[in-house]
PDB file of N, CA and C in Angstrom:
ATOM      1  N   MET A   1     125.435  49.219  83.972  1.00  0.00           N
ATOM      2  CA  MET A   1     126.893  49.559  83.880  1.00  0.00           C
ATOM      3  C   MET A   1     127.462  48.741  82.744  1.00  0.00           C
ATOM      4  N   GLU A   2     128.337  49.350  81.982  1.00  0.00           N
ATOM      5  CA  GLU A   2     129.020  48.681  80.919  1.00  0.00           C
ATOM      6  C   GLU A   2     130.033  47.732  81.444  1.00  0.00           C
ATOM      7  N   LYS A   3     130.110  46.552  80.713  1.00  0.00           N
ATOM      8  CA  LYS A   3     131.066  45.501  81.178  1.00  0.00           C
ATOM      9  C   LYS A   3     132.502  45.937  81.138  1.00  0.00           C
ATOM     10  N   ASN A   4     133.187  45.646  82.141  1.00  0.00           N
ATOM     11  CA  ASN A   4     134.641  46.023  82.375  1.00  0.00           C
ATOM     12  C   ASN A   4     134.905  47.551  82.507  1.00  0.00           C
ATOM     13  N   LYS A   5     133.878  48.281  82.793  1.00  0.00           N
ATOM     14  CA  LYS A   5     134.054  49.720  83.009  1.00  0.00           C
ATOM     15  C   LYS A   5     133.993  49.992  84.499  1.00  0.00           C
ATOM     16  N   PRO A   6     134.985  50.759  84.997  1.00  0.00           N
ATOM     17  CA  PRO A   6     134.965  51.001  86.442  1.00  0.00           C
ATOM     18  C   PRO A   6     133.748  51.823  86.827  1.00  0.00           C
ATOM     19  N   PRO A   7     133.225  51.603  88.031  1.00  0.00           N
ATOM     20  CA  PRO A   7     131.954  52.267  88.485  1.00  0.00           C
ATOM     21  C   PRO A   7     132.166  53.804  88.653  1.00  0.00           C
ATOM     22  N   HIS A   8     133.361  54.314  88.792  1.00  0.00           N
ATOM     23  CA  HIS A   8     133.621  55.672  89.007  1.00  0.00           C
ATOM     24  C   HIS A   8     134.927  56.032  88.394  1.00  0.00           C
ATOM     25  N   LYS A   9     135.215  57.311  88.171  1.00  0.00           N
ATOM     26  CA  LYS A   9     136.454  57.869  87.576  1.00  0.00           C
ATOM     27  C   LYS A   9     137.558  57.769  88.668  1.00  0.00           C
ATOM     28  N   SER A  10     138.732  57.257  88.202  1.00  0.00           N
ATOM     29  CA  SER A  10     139.893  57.210  89.051  1.00  0.00           C
ATOM     30  C   SER A  10     140.378  58.653  89.322  1.00  0.00           C
ATOM     31  N   VAL A  11     140.756  58.810  90.571  1.00  0.00           N
ATOM     32  CA  VAL A  11     141.188  60.192  91.005  1.00  0.00           C
ATOM     33  C   VAL A  11     142.706  60.148  91.376  1.00  0.00           C
ATOM     34  N   GLY A  12     143.479  59.104  91.116  1.00  0.00           N
ATOM     35  CA  GLY A  12     144.845  59.045  91.409  1.00  0.00           C
ATOM     36  C   GLY A  12     145.287  57.737  91.937  1.00  0.00           C
ATOM     37  N   TYR A  13     146.360  57.717  92.653  1.00  0.00           N
ATOM     38  CA  TYR A  13     146.944  56.462  93.110  1.00  0.00           C
ATOM     39  C   TYR A  13     146.314  56.080  94.447  1.00  0.00           C
ATOM     40  N   THR A  14     146.332  54.722  94.608  1.00  0.00           N
ATOM     41  CA  THR A  14     145.896  54.181  95.921  1.00  0.00           C
ATOM     42  C   THR A  14     147.090  54.063  96.830  1.00  0.00           C
ATOM     43  N   THR A  15     146.958  54.573  97.981  1.00  0.00           N
ATOM     44  CA  THR A  15     148.022  54.557  98.974  1.00  0.00           C
ATOM     45  C   THR A  15     148.142  53.209  99.664  1.00  0.00           C
ATOM     46  N   VAL A  16     149.287  52.913 100.214  1.00  0.00           N
ATOM     47  CA  VAL A  16     149.573  51.754 101.002  1.00  0.00           C
ATOM     48  C   VAL A  16     148.626  51.742 102.157  1.00  0.00           C
ATOM     49  N   GLU A  17     148.377  52.851 102.773  1.00  0.00           N
ATOM     50  CA  GLU A  17     147.443  52.942 103.946  1.00  0.00           C
ATOM     51  C   GLU A  17     146.041  52.482 103.517  1.00  0.00           C
ATOM     52  N   GLN A  18     145.603  52.962 102.346  1.00  0.00           N
ATOM     53  CA  GLN A  18     144.275  52.585 101.896  1.00  0.00           C
ATOM     54  C   GLN A  18     144.147  51.103 101.615  1.00  0.00           C
ATOM     55  N   ILE A  19     145.272  50.551 101.032  1.00  0.00           N
ATOM     56  CA  ILE A  19     145.185  49.061 100.776  1.00  0.00           C
ATOM     57  C   ILE A  19     145.146  48.355 102.120  1.00  0.00           C
ATOM     58  N   LEU A  20     146.085  48.648 103.084  1.00  0.00           N
ATOM     59  CA  LEU A  20     146.147  47.920 104.289  1.00  0.00           C
ATOM     60  C   LEU A  20     144.890  48.162 105.182  1.00  0.00           C
ATOM     61  N   ASN A  21     144.145  49.198 104.993  1.00  0.00           N
ATOM     62  CA  ASN A  21     142.917  49.404 105.734  1.00  0.00           C
ATOM     63  C   ASN A  21     141.650  49.026 105.039  1.00  0.00           C
ATOM     64  N   SER A  22     141.850  48.297 103.969  1.00  0.00           N
ATOM     65  CA  SER A  22     140.619  47.870 103.154  1.00  0.00           C
ATOM     66  C   SER A  22     139.864  46.848 103.886  1.00  0.00           C
ATOM     67  N   PRO A  23     138.544  46.971 103.847  1.00  0.00           N
ATOM     68  CA  PRO A  23     137.719  45.898 104.457  1.00  0.00           C
ATOM     69  C   PRO A  23     137.737  44.602 103.808  1.00  0.00           C
ATOM     70  N   ASP A  24     138.303  44.561 102.565  1.00  0.00           N
ATOM     71  CA  ASP A  24     138.351  43.281 101.735  1.00  0.00           C
ATOM     72  C   ASP A  24     139.763  42.637 102.154  1.00  0.00           C
ATOM     73  N   PRO A  25     139.739  41.468 102.741  1.00  0.00           N
ATOM     74  CA  PRO A  25     141.046  40.777 103.089  1.00  0.00           C
ATOM     75  C   PRO A  25     141.844  40.402 101.892  1.00  0.00           C
ATOM     76  N   ASP A  26     141.239  40.194 100.708  1.00  0.00           N
ATOM     77  CA  ASP A  26     141.987  39.927  99.499  1.00  0.00           C
ATOM     78  C   ASP A  26     142.788  41.066  99.127  1.00  0.00           C
ATOM     79  N   ILE A  27     142.309  42.322  99.225  1.00  0.00           N
ATOM     80  CA  ILE A  27     143.031  43.520  98.851  1.00  0.00           C
ATOM     81  C   ILE A  27     144.228  43.715  99.828  1.00  0.00           C
ATOM     82  N   VAL A  28     143.985  43.549 101.100  1.00  0.00           N
ATOM     83  CA  VAL A  28     145.011  43.616 102.115  1.00  0.00           C
ATOM     84  C   VAL A  28     146.142  42.614 101.779  1.00  0.00           C
ATOM     85  N   GLY A  29     145.717  41.353 101.503  1.00  0.00           N
ATOM     86  CA  GLY A  29     146.639  40.261 101.191  1.00  0.00           C
ATOM     87  C   GLY A  29     147.442  40.517  99.902  1.00  0.00           C
ATOM     88  N   SER A  30     146.839  41.303  98.965  1.00  0.00           N
ATOM     89  CA  SER A  30     147.538  41.620  97.645  1.00  0.00           C
ATOM     90  C   SER A  30     148.748  42.393  97.951  1.00  0.00           C
ATOM     91  N   TYR A  31     148.807  43.248  98.939  1.00  0.00           N
ATOM     92  CA  TYR A  31     149.892  44.111  99.216  1.00  0.00           C
ATOM     93  C   TYR A  31     151.124  43.235  99.656  1.00  0.00           C
ATOM     94  N   TYR A  32     150.824  42.247 100.523  1.00  0.00           N
ATOM     95  CA  TYR A  32     151.884  41.317 101.001  1.00  0.00           C
ATOM     96  C   TYR A  32     152.403  40.399  99.876  1.00  0.00           C
ATOM     97  N   ALA A  33     151.434  40.041  99.047  1.00  0.00           N
ATOM     98  CA  ALA A  33     151.766  39.173  97.929  1.00  0.00           C
ATOM     99  C   ALA A  33     152.707  39.853  96.875  1.00  0.00           C
ATOM    100  N   MET A  34     152.462  41.172  96.658  1.00  0.00           N
ATOM    101  CA  MET A  34     153.359  41.964  95.876  1.00  0.00           C
ATOM    102  C   MET A  34     154.772  42.171  96.485  1.00  0.00           C
ATOM    103  N   GLN A  35     154.759  42.267  97.821  1.00  0.00           N
ATOM    104  CA  GLN A  35     156.082  42.395  98.516  1.00  0.00           C
ATOM    105  C   GLN A  35     156.837  41.142  98.320  1.00  0.00           C
ATOM    106  N   ARG A  36     156.146  39.931  98.588  1.00  0.00           N
ATOM    107  CA  ARG A  36     156.802  38.635  98.344  1.00  0.00           C
ATOM    108  C   ARG A  36     157.288  38.493  96.943  1.00  0.00           C
ATOM    109  N   ALA A  37     156.483  38.802  95.913  1.00  0.00           N
ATOM    110  CA  ALA A  37     156.829  38.718  94.508  1.00  0.00           C
ATOM    111  C   ALA A  37     158.102  39.557  94.168  1.00  0.00           C
ATOM    112  N   GLY A  38     158.146  40.788  94.735  1.00  0.00           N
ATOM    113  CA  GLY A  38     159.219  41.616  94.566  1.00  0.00           C
ATOM    114  C   GLY A  38     160.537  41.027  95.143  1.00  0.00           C
ATOM    115  N   GLN A  39     160.483  40.532  96.283  1.00  0.00           N
ATOM    116  CA  GLN A  39     161.615  39.928  96.869  1.00  0.00           C
ATOM    117  C   GLN A  39     162.105  38.662  96.133  1.00  0.00           C
ATOM    118  N   ALA A  40     161.179  37.903  95.658  1.00  0.00           N
ATOM    119  CA  ALA A  40     161.493  36.698  94.818  1.00  0.00           C
ATOM    120  C   ALA A  40     162.218  37.098  93.608  1.00  0.00           C
ATOM    121  N   ALA A  41     161.789  38.209  92.986  1.00  0.00           N
ATOM    122  CA  ALA A  41     162.431  38.746  91.741  1.00  0.00           C
ATOM    123  C   ALA A  41     163.878  39.180  92.057  1.00  0.00           C
ATOM    124  N   ILE A  42     164.094  39.801  93.252  1.00  0.00           N
ATOM    125  CA  ILE A  42     165.423  40.261  93.632  1.00  0.00           C
ATOM    126  C   ILE A  42     166.255  39.069  93.900  1.00  0.00           C
ATOM    127  N   ASP A  43     165.724  38.063  94.590  1.00  0.00           N
ATOM    128  CA  ASP A  43     166.553  36.824  94.942  1.00  0.00           C
ATOM    129  C   ASP A  43     166.953  36.153  93.698  1.00  0.00           C
ATOM    130  N   LEU A  44     166.086  36.102  92.633  1.00  0.00           N
ATOM    131  CA  LEU A  44     166.355  35.400  91.407  1.00  0.00           C
ATOM    132  C   LEU A  44     167.360  36.256  90.601  1.00  0.00           C
ATOM    133  N   ALA A  45     167.307  37.529  90.602  1.00  0.00           N
ATOM    134  CA  ALA A  45     168.318  38.382  89.949  1.00  0.00           C
ATOM    135  C   ALA A  45     169.716  38.155  90.561  1.00  0.00           C
ATOM    136  N   ILE A  46     169.709  38.054  91.845  1.00  0.00           N
ATOM    137  CA  ILE A  46     171.061  37.780  92.560  1.00  0.00           C
ATOM    138  C   ILE A  46     171.568  36.419  92.158  1.00  0.00           C
ATOM    139  N   GLN A  47     170.709  35.409  92.175  1.00  0.00           N
ATOM    140  CA  GLN A  47     171.141  34.012  91.871  1.00  0.00           C
ATOM    141  C   GLN A  47     171.647  33.892  90.469  1.00  0.00           C
ATOM    142  N   THR A  48     171.050  34.664  89.563  1.00  0.00           N
ATOM    143  CA  THR A  48     171.410  34.590  88.178  1.00  0.00           C
ATOM    144  C   THR A  48     172.404  35.689  87.714  1.00  0.00           C
ATOM    145  N   ASN A  49     172.886  36.442  88.688  1.00  0.00           N
ATOM    146  CA  ASN A  49     173.793  37.622  88.420  1.00  0.00           C
ATOM    147  C   ASN A  49     173.177  38.515  87.369  1.00  0.00           C
ATOM    148  N   THR A  50     171.979  38.868  87.549  1.00  0.00           N
ATOM    149  CA  THR A  50     171.215  39.762  86.585  1.00  0.00           C
ATOM    150  C   THR A  50     170.965  41.088  87.379  1.00  0.00           C
ATOM    151  N   ALA A  51     170.973  42.133  86.624  1.00  0.00           N
ATOM    152  CA  ALA A  51     170.782  43.441  87.227  1.00  0.00           C
ATOM    153  C   ALA A  51     169.297  43.551  87.746  1.00  0.00           C
ATOM    154  N   ILE A  52     169.207  44.222  88.844  1.00  0.00           N
ATOM    155  CA  ILE A  52     167.874  44.474  89.351  1.00  0.00           C
ATOM    156  C   ILE A  52     167.389  45.928  88.864  1.00  0.00           C
ATOM    157  N   VAL A  53     166.255  45.902  88.247  1.00  0.00           N
ATOM    158  CA  VAL A  53     165.692  47.117  87.618  1.00  0.00           C
ATOM    159  C   VAL A  53     164.604  47.650  88.617  1.00  0.00           C
ATOM    160  N   THR A  54     164.818  48.837  88.981  1.00  0.00           N
ATOM    161  CA  THR A  54     163.848  49.442  89.951  1.00  0.00           C
ATOM    162  C   THR A  54     163.776  50.998  89.675  1.00  0.00           C
ATOM    163  N   MET A  55     162.865  51.687  90.438  1.00  0.00           N
ATOM    164  CA  MET A  55     162.803  53.066  90.310  1.00  0.00           C
ATOM    165  C   MET A  55     163.475  53.705  91.539  1.00  0.00           C
ATOM    166  N   VAL A  56     164.275  54.744  91.349  1.00  0.00           N
ATOM    167  CA  VAL A  56     164.799  55.588  92.420  1.00  0.00           C
ATOM    168  C   VAL A  56     164.550  56.993  92.103  1.00  0.00           C
ATOM    169  N   ASP A  57     163.876  57.664  93.026  1.00  0.00           N
ATOM    170  CA  ASP A  57     163.517  59.089  92.808  1.00  0.00           C
ATOM    171  C   ASP A  57     162.842  59.311  91.389  1.00  0.00           C
ATOM    172  N   GLY A  58     161.977  58.392  90.985  1.00  0.00           N
ATOM    173  CA  GLY A  58     161.223  58.507  89.773  1.00  0.00           C
ATOM    174  C   GLY A  58     161.981  58.194  88.507  1.00  0.00           C
ATOM    175  N   LYS A  59     163.181  57.691  88.619  1.00  0.00           N
ATOM    176  CA  LYS A  59     163.976  57.310  87.455  1.00  0.00           C
ATOM    177  C   LYS A  59     164.229  55.745  87.488  1.00  0.00           C
ATOM    178  N   ILE A  60     164.129  55.152  86.366  1.00  0.00           N
ATOM    179  CA  ILE A  60     164.451  53.722  86.228  1.00  0.00           C
ATOM    180  C   ILE A  60     166.004  53.605  86.304  1.00  0.00           C
ATOM    181  N   VAL A  61     166.445  52.672  87.212  1.00  0.00           N
ATOM    182  CA  VAL A  61     167.877  52.367  87.372  1.00  0.00           C
ATOM    183  C   VAL A  61     168.100  50.924  87.360  1.00  0.00           C
ATOM    184  N   ARG A  62     169.239  50.496  86.945  1.00  0.00           N
ATOM    185  CA  ARG A  62     169.683  49.122  86.962  1.00  0.00           C
ATOM    186  C   ARG A  62     170.767  48.924  88.025  1.00  0.00           C
ATOM    187  N   ILE A  63     170.551  48.081  88.945  1.00  0.00           N
ATOM    188  CA  ILE A  63     171.461  47.813  90.036  1.00  0.00           C
ATOM    189  C   ILE A  63     172.129  46.453  89.802  1.00  0.00           C
ATOM    190  N   PRO A  64     173.395  46.379  89.546  1.00  0.00           N
ATOM    191  CA  PRO A  64     174.053  45.073  89.344  1.00  0.00           C
ATOM    192  C   PRO A  64     173.797  44.174  90.610  1.00  0.00           C
ATOM    193  N   ALA A  65     173.612  42.906  90.408  1.00  0.00           N
ATOM    194  CA  ALA A  65     173.346  42.103  91.535  1.00  0.00           C
ATOM    195  C   ALA A  65     174.522  42.079  92.577  1.00  0.00           C
ATOM    196  N   SER A  66     175.670  42.323  92.090  1.00  0.00           N
ATOM    197  CA  SER A  66     176.909  42.266  93.011  1.00  0.00           C
ATOM    198  C   SER A  66     176.834  43.512  93.876  1.00  0.00           C
ATOM    199  N   GLU A  67     176.085  44.616  93.539  1.00  0.00           N
ATOM    200  CA  GLU A  67     176.065  45.787  94.346  1.00  0.00           C
ATOM    201  C   GLU A  67     174.731  45.839  95.213  1.00  0.00           C
ATOM    202  N   HIS A  68     173.984  44.771  95.202  1.00  0.00           N
ATOM    203  CA  HIS A  68     172.691  44.805  95.918  1.00  0.00           C
ATOM    204  C   HIS A  68     172.930  44.910  97.397  1.00  0.00           C
ATOM    205  N   THR A  69     172.287  45.896  98.030  1.00  0.00           N
ATOM    206  CA  THR A  69     172.439  46.125  99.520  1.00  0.00           C
ATOM    207  C   THR A  69     171.190  46.157 100.242  1.00  0.00           C
ATOM    208  N   PHE A  70     170.034  46.080  99.605  1.00  0.00           N
ATOM    209  CA  PHE A  70     168.756  46.154 100.339  1.00  0.00           C
ATOM    210  C   PHE A  70     168.057  44.858 100.295  1.00  0.00           C
ATOM    211  N   SER A  71     167.091  44.600 101.158  1.00  0.00           N
ATOM    212  CA  SER A  71     166.336  43.264 101.098  1.00  0.00           C
ATOM    213  C   SER A  71     164.900  43.500 101.119  1.00  0.00           C
TER     214      SER A  71
END
């Protein structure tokens, strides 16, 4: 196998269910690590009064920190 080449062709996105049901505990843990990192980014944006950039319905949107309503 060529170095850094995936063993098989990708067929699409990995679902949250597939990640959480992985037999590899590092893969499962990565989901929760990404959740914590996302929340830390939101918290920092609020503290610094910086817009939160996210995707809503497939479009990139900027939410001012003063309008943040989700956690």
